[in-house]
Amino acid sequence: MSASTRILDPICDMVVDLADARDQGLTIERSEREYAFCSQGCLVKFAKSPPSYVGKVSAWLDADTRTEHAHPPTAAGAVPAIDAGMRDWYNSCRCCLSDAHPEVVKILDAEKATPTGP
């Protein structure tokens, strides 16, 4: 694999740079391939049950189109827009979102804790 290879984090569906993940100690080598993760939380979850996730990466690698969770950078100290993509990220992998945008997680946690309706 080249240094610029990107691969799916099978836990949260983020696409990560394999070399960057390797440099941060966020990869696991298995007989079929090397897996990369966006955070320690995702790596640990994968390590507990690899067979539950390896097929997801294989399917992603075989797919013609690949999408990723991407949000434009925000100014220092600014809270990024909480759009549908950000909410999907929160629902799929709160730990990853917390690593990237802890302030967003606080807002969404507060929303979740607030009862709605009568």
N, C-alpha and C. Protein backbone atom coordinates (compact mmCIF):
# COMPACT_ATOMS: atom_id res chain seq x y z
N MET A 1 0.83 -1.18 0.00
CA MET A 1 0.00 0.00 0.00
C MET A 1 0.88 1.24 0.00
N SER A 2 0.47 2.24 -0.74
CA SER A 2 1.26 3.46 -0.81
C SER A 2 1.01 4.32 0.41
N ALA A 3 1.89 5.32 0.60
CA ALA A 3 1.77 6.20 1.77
C ALA A 3 0.49 7.01 1.75
N SER A 4 -0.12 7.19 0.59
CA SER A 4 -1.33 8.01 0.51
C SER A 4 -2.61 7.17 0.49
N THR A 5 -2.51 5.91 0.82
CA THR A 5 -3.68 5.03 0.80
C THR A 5 -4.66 5.44 1.89
N ARG A 6 -5.91 5.50 1.49
CA ARG A 6 -6.98 5.80 2.44
C ARG A 6 -7.83 4.55 2.57
N ILE A 7 -8.31 4.32 3.79
CA ILE A 7 -9.08 3.11 4.05
C ILE A 7 -10.20 3.43 5.04
N LEU A 8 -11.23 2.63 4.97
CA LEU A 8 -12.40 2.81 5.83
C LEU A 8 -12.12 2.35 7.25
N ASP A 9 -12.47 3.20 8.21
CA ASP A 9 -12.50 2.78 9.61
C ASP A 9 -13.83 2.04 9.74
N PRO A 10 -13.81 0.73 9.92
CA PRO A 10 -15.06 -0.04 9.90
C PRO A 10 -15.97 0.19 11.10
N ILE A 11 -15.51 0.89 12.08
CA ILE A 11 -16.33 1.14 13.27
C ILE A 11 -17.24 2.35 13.03
N CYS A 12 -16.68 3.46 12.56
CA CYS A 12 -17.45 4.69 12.45
C CYS A 12 -17.67 5.15 11.01
N ASP A 13 -17.13 4.41 10.05
CA ASP A 13 -17.28 4.71 8.62
C ASP A 13 -16.51 5.95 8.15
N MET A 14 -15.58 6.43 8.94
CA MET A 14 -14.73 7.52 8.47
C MET A 14 -13.65 6.92 7.57
N VAL A 15 -13.19 7.71 6.64
CA VAL A 15 -12.09 7.27 5.79
C VAL A 15 -10.83 7.94 6.32
N VAL A 16 -9.83 7.12 6.62
CA VAL A 16 -8.61 7.64 7.23
C VAL A 16 -7.40 7.33 6.36
N ASP A 17 -6.38 8.14 6.49
CA ASP A 17 -5.13 7.93 5.79
C ASP A 17 -4.35 6.85 6.53
N LEU A 18 -4.01 5.79 5.82
CA LEU A 18 -3.34 4.65 6.45
C LEU A 18 -2.00 5.04 7.07
N ALA A 19 -1.21 5.83 6.37
CA ALA A 19 0.11 6.22 6.89
C ALA A 19 -0.03 7.06 8.15
N ASP A 20 -0.98 7.99 8.15
CA ASP A 20 -1.20 8.82 9.34
C ASP A 20 -1.63 7.96 10.53
N ALA A 21 -2.56 7.04 10.27
CA ALA A 21 -3.02 6.16 11.34
C ALA A 21 -1.87 5.30 11.86
N ARG A 22 -1.05 4.82 10.95
CA ARG A 22 0.11 4.00 11.34
C ARG A 22 1.05 4.81 12.24
N ASP A 23 1.32 6.07 11.85
CA ASP A 23 2.19 6.94 12.64
C ASP A 23 1.65 7.19 14.04
N GLN A 24 0.32 7.17 14.18
CA GLN A 24 -0.31 7.43 15.48
C GLN A 24 -0.58 6.14 16.26
N GLY A 25 -0.16 5.02 15.72
CA GLY A 25 -0.38 3.74 16.40
C GLY A 25 -1.83 3.28 16.33
N LEU A 26 -2.54 3.70 15.27
CA LEU A 26 -3.96 3.39 15.14
C LEU A 26 -4.22 2.39 14.01
N THR A 27 -3.37 1.36 13.92
CA THR A 27 -3.58 0.32 12.91
C THR A 27 -3.48 -1.06 13.57
N ILE A 28 -4.10 -2.02 12.92
CA ILE A 28 -4.00 -3.42 13.32
C ILE A 28 -3.70 -4.21 12.06
N GLU A 29 -2.66 -5.02 12.11
CA GLU A 29 -2.27 -5.88 10.98
C GLU A 29 -2.89 -7.25 11.18
N ARG A 30 -3.63 -7.69 10.16
CA ARG A 30 -4.21 -9.04 10.16
C ARG A 30 -3.75 -9.72 8.88
N SER A 31 -3.99 -11.00 8.78
CA SER A 31 -3.50 -11.75 7.62
C SER A 31 -4.06 -11.21 6.30
N GLU A 32 -5.30 -10.73 6.28
CA GLU A 32 -5.91 -10.28 5.03
C GLU A 32 -5.51 -8.85 4.65
N ARG A 33 -5.20 -7.98 5.64
CA ARG A 33 -4.82 -6.59 5.35
C ARG A 33 -4.51 -5.86 6.65
N GLU A 34 -4.07 -4.64 6.48
CA GLU A 34 -3.87 -3.74 7.62
C GLU A 34 -5.12 -2.87 7.74
N TYR A 35 -5.62 -2.73 8.95
CA TYR A 35 -6.80 -1.92 9.21
C TYR A 35 -6.36 -0.65 9.92
N ALA A 36 -7.03 0.46 9.63
CA ALA A 36 -6.67 1.74 10.22
C ALA A 36 -7.91 2.36 10.86
N PHE A 37 -7.67 3.17 11.88
CA PHE A 37 -8.75 3.73 12.67
C PHE A 37 -8.52 5.21 12.94
N CYS A 38 -9.61 5.91 13.16
CA CYS A 38 -9.53 7.35 13.40
C CYS A 38 -9.21 7.66 14.86
N SER A 39 -9.46 6.72 15.75
CA SER A 39 -9.23 6.97 17.17
C SER A 39 -8.94 5.66 17.89
N GLN A 40 -8.43 5.80 19.11
CA GLN A 40 -8.14 4.63 19.93
C GLN A 40 -9.42 3.87 20.26
N GLY A 41 -10.52 4.59 20.44
CA GLY A 41 -11.79 3.94 20.76
C GLY A 41 -12.23 2.98 19.66
N CYS A 42 -12.09 3.42 18.40
CA CYS A 42 -12.47 2.55 17.28
C CYS A 42 -11.53 1.35 17.18
N LEU A 43 -10.24 1.56 17.39
CA LEU A 43 -9.27 0.46 17.33
C LEU A 43 -9.61 -0.59 18.38
N VAL A 44 -9.91 -0.16 19.59
CA VAL A 44 -10.22 -1.10 20.67
C VAL A 44 -11.50 -1.88 20.36
N LYS A 45 -12.50 -1.20 19.85
CA LYS A 45 -13.75 -1.89 19.52
C LYS A 45 -13.51 -2.95 18.45
N PHE A 46 -12.73 -2.62 17.42
CA PHE A 46 -12.39 -3.58 16.37
C PHE A 46 -11.63 -4.77 16.96
N ALA A 47 -10.65 -4.48 17.80
CA ALA A 47 -9.79 -5.53 18.36
C ALA A 47 -10.58 -6.54 19.18
N LYS A 48 -11.70 -6.13 19.75
CA LYS A 48 -12.52 -7.03 20.55
C LYS A 48 -13.30 -8.03 19.70
N SER A 49 -13.55 -7.66 18.42
CA SER A 49 -14.36 -8.54 17.57
C SER A 49 -14.08 -8.29 16.08
N PRO A 50 -12.86 -8.56 15.61
CA PRO A 50 -12.52 -8.29 14.21
C PRO A 50 -13.46 -8.92 13.18
N PRO A 51 -13.90 -10.17 13.36
CA PRO A 51 -14.76 -10.76 12.34
C PRO A 51 -16.06 -9.98 12.09
N SER A 52 -16.47 -9.22 13.08
CA SER A 52 -17.69 -8.43 12.92
C SER A 52 -17.50 -7.27 11.93
N TYR A 53 -16.25 -6.90 11.64
CA TYR A 53 -15.99 -5.69 10.87
C TYR A 53 -15.19 -5.88 9.58
N VAL A 54 -14.47 -7.00 9.44
CA VAL A 54 -13.59 -7.15 8.27
C VAL A 54 -14.36 -7.13 6.95
N GLY A 55 -15.55 -7.68 6.92
CA GLY A 55 -16.34 -7.69 5.68
C GLY A 55 -16.73 -6.31 5.22
N LYS A 56 -16.94 -5.42 6.16
CA LYS A 56 -17.32 -4.04 5.84
C LYS A 56 -16.20 -3.35 5.06
N VAL A 57 -14.96 -3.56 5.47
CA VAL A 57 -13.83 -2.95 4.77
C VAL A 57 -13.66 -3.58 3.39
N SER A 58 -13.81 -4.89 3.31
CA SER A 58 -13.71 -5.57 2.01
C SER A 58 -14.75 -5.04 1.03
N ALA A 59 -15.97 -4.89 1.50
CA ALA A 59 -17.04 -4.37 0.64
C ALA A 59 -16.73 -2.94 0.21
N TRP A 60 -16.20 -2.14 1.11
CA TRP A 60 -15.86 -0.76 0.79
C TRP A 60 -14.74 -0.71 -0.25
N LEU A 61 -13.74 -1.56 -0.08
CA LEU A 61 -12.63 -1.59 -1.04
C LEU A 61 -13.09 -2.04 -2.42
N ASP A 62 -14.10 -2.91 -2.46
CA ASP A 62 -14.62 -3.41 -3.73
C ASP A 62 -15.58 -2.44 -4.41
N ALA A 63 -16.12 -1.49 -3.66
CA ALA A 63 -17.11 -0.55 -4.20
C ALA A 63 -16.45 0.44 -5.18
N ASP A 64 -17.22 0.84 -6.18
CA ASP A 64 -16.72 1.82 -7.14
C ASP A 64 -16.72 3.23 -6.57
N THR A 65 -17.69 3.54 -5.74
CA THR A 65 -17.77 4.88 -5.16
C THR A 65 -17.56 4.78 -3.67
N ARG A 66 -16.89 5.77 -3.15
CA ARG A 66 -16.60 5.80 -1.73
C ARG A 66 -16.97 7.18 -1.20
N THR A 67 -17.68 7.20 -0.10
CA THR A 67 -18.02 8.47 0.53
C THR A 67 -17.34 8.51 1.88
N GLU A 68 -17.12 9.68 2.36
CA GLU A 68 -16.52 9.84 3.67
C GLU A 68 -17.21 10.94 4.43
N HIS A 69 -17.09 10.88 5.75
CA HIS A 69 -17.59 11.96 6.58
C HIS A 69 -16.57 13.08 6.48
N ALA A 70 -16.95 14.15 5.87
CA ALA A 70 -16.03 15.27 5.73
C ALA A 70 -16.74 16.54 6.14
N HIS A 71 -16.09 17.31 6.94
CA HIS A 71 -16.62 18.59 7.35
C HIS A 71 -15.53 19.63 7.14
N PRO A 72 -15.90 20.77 6.59
CA PRO A 72 -14.88 21.79 6.35
C PRO A 72 -14.27 22.26 7.66
N PRO A 73 -13.01 22.67 7.61
CA PRO A 73 -12.37 23.15 8.84
C PRO A 73 -13.06 24.42 9.33
N THR A 74 -13.03 24.62 10.63
CA THR A 74 -13.64 25.81 11.21
C THR A 74 -12.55 26.66 11.82
N ALA A 75 -12.86 27.93 12.03
CA ALA A 75 -11.91 28.84 12.66
C ALA A 75 -11.63 28.35 14.08
N ALA A 76 -10.46 28.66 14.57
CA ALA A 76 -10.08 28.24 15.91
C ALA A 76 -11.13 28.70 16.92
N GLY A 77 -11.60 27.78 17.73
CA GLY A 77 -12.58 28.11 18.75
C GLY A 77 -14.02 28.14 18.26
N ALA A 78 -14.23 28.08 16.96
CA ALA A 78 -15.59 28.12 16.41
C ALA A 78 -16.19 26.72 16.44
N VAL A 79 -17.48 26.66 16.73
CA VAL A 79 -18.19 25.39 16.71
C VAL A 79 -18.66 25.15 15.28
N PRO A 80 -18.33 23.99 14.70
CA PRO A 80 -18.78 23.72 13.33
C PRO A 80 -20.30 23.58 13.28
N ALA A 81 -20.84 23.77 12.08
CA ALA A 81 -22.29 23.63 11.90
C ALA A 81 -22.71 22.22 12.25
N ILE A 82 -23.79 22.11 13.00
CA ILE A 82 -24.31 20.79 13.36
C ILE A 82 -25.39 20.45 12.33
N ASP A 83 -24.95 19.83 11.25
CA ASP A 83 -25.85 19.46 10.16
C ASP A 83 -26.18 17.97 10.24
N ALA A 84 -26.88 17.47 9.23
CA ALA A 84 -27.26 16.06 9.23
C ALA A 84 -26.04 15.14 9.26
N GLY A 85 -24.98 15.52 8.55
CA GLY A 85 -23.76 14.71 8.54
C GLY A 85 -23.12 14.65 9.92
N MET A 86 -23.11 15.79 10.61
CA MET A 86 -22.53 15.83 11.95
C MET A 86 -23.37 14.97 12.91
N ARG A 87 -24.70 15.01 12.76
CA ARG A 87 -25.57 14.20 13.60
C ARG A 87 -25.38 12.70 13.30
N ASP A 88 -25.19 12.36 12.02
CA ASP A 88 -24.92 10.97 11.65
C ASP A 88 -23.62 10.50 12.29
N TRP A 89 -22.61 11.37 12.26
CA TRP A 89 -21.32 11.04 12.85
C TRP A 89 -21.49 10.79 14.35
N TYR A 90 -22.25 11.64 15.01
CA TYR A 90 -22.53 11.50 16.44
C TYR A 90 -23.21 10.16 16.72
N ASN A 91 -24.18 9.80 15.90
CA ASN A 91 -24.91 8.56 16.10
C ASN A 91 -24.08 7.32 15.78
N SER A 92 -23.17 7.42 14.82
CA SER A 92 -22.40 6.24 14.44
C SER A 92 -21.17 6.04 15.31
N CYS A 93 -20.56 7.13 15.76
CA CYS A 93 -19.35 6.98 16.57
C CYS A 93 -19.10 8.24 17.38
N ARG A 94 -19.78 8.33 18.51
CA ARG A 94 -19.67 9.50 19.37
C ARG A 94 -18.23 9.73 19.81
N CYS A 95 -17.48 8.65 20.04
CA CYS A 95 -16.10 8.79 20.53
C CYS A 95 -15.22 9.50 19.50
N CYS A 96 -15.41 9.20 18.22
CA CYS A 96 -14.61 9.84 17.18
C CYS A 96 -14.96 11.32 17.06
N LEU A 97 -16.26 11.61 17.11
CA LEU A 97 -16.69 13.00 17.05
C LEU A 97 -16.16 13.76 18.25
N SER A 98 -16.14 13.12 19.40
CA SER A 98 -15.64 13.77 20.60
C SER A 98 -14.16 14.11 20.47
N ASP A 99 -13.40 13.24 19.83
CA ASP A 99 -11.98 13.51 19.60
C ASP A 99 -11.79 14.73 18.69
N ALA A 100 -12.64 14.83 17.66
CA ALA A 100 -12.50 15.90 16.68
C ALA A 100 -13.18 17.20 17.11
N HIS A 101 -14.36 17.09 17.70
CA HIS A 101 -15.16 18.27 18.05
C HIS A 101 -15.88 18.06 19.38
N PRO A 102 -15.15 18.14 20.49
CA PRO A 102 -15.79 17.90 21.79
C PRO A 102 -16.94 18.86 22.09
N GLU A 103 -16.85 20.09 21.58
CA GLU A 103 -17.91 21.05 21.83
C GLU A 103 -19.22 20.64 21.15
N VAL A 104 -19.13 20.00 19.99
CA VAL A 104 -20.32 19.53 19.30
C VAL A 104 -20.97 18.39 20.09
N VAL A 105 -20.15 17.50 20.63
CA VAL A 105 -20.66 16.38 21.42
C VAL A 105 -21.41 16.91 22.65
N LYS A 106 -20.88 17.95 23.29
CA LYS A 106 -21.56 18.53 24.45
C LYS A 106 -22.94 19.05 24.06
N ILE A 107 -23.02 19.73 22.94
CA ILE A 107 -24.30 20.27 22.47
C ILE A 107 -25.28 19.14 22.16
N LEU A 108 -24.81 18.12 21.43
CA LEU A 108 -25.70 17.01 21.05
C LEU A 108 -26.08 16.16 22.25
N ASP A 109 -25.16 16.00 23.21
CA ASP A 109 -25.50 15.29 24.44
C ASP A 109 -26.60 16.03 25.20
N ALA A 110 -26.49 17.35 25.25
CA ALA A 110 -27.50 18.16 25.94
C ALA A 110 -28.85 18.04 25.24
N GLU A 111 -28.83 18.05 23.91
CA GLU A 111 -30.08 17.87 23.15
C GLU A 111 -30.72 16.52 23.47
N LYS A 112 -29.89 15.50 23.51
CA LYS A 112 -30.37 14.13 23.77
C LYS A 112 -30.95 14.01 25.18
N ALA A 113 -30.37 14.75 26.14
CA ALA A 113 -30.82 14.68 27.53
C ALA A 113 -32.09 15.49 27.77
N THR A 114 -32.40 16.41 26.86
CA THR A 114 -33.59 17.25 27.02
C THR A 114 -34.81 16.49 26.53
N PRO A 115 -35.80 16.29 27.41
CA PRO A 115 -37.00 15.59 26.97
C PRO A 115 -37.77 16.42 25.94
N THR A 116 -38.32 15.72 24.96
CA THR A 116 -39.11 16.40 23.93
C THR A 116 -40.56 15.98 24.03
N GLY A 117 -41.40 16.86 23.63
CA GLY A 117 -42.82 16.52 23.64
C GLY A 117 -43.46 16.76 25.00
N PRO A 118 -44.77 16.54 25.09
CA PRO A 118 -45.48 16.80 26.35
C PRO A 118 -45.19 15.78 27.41
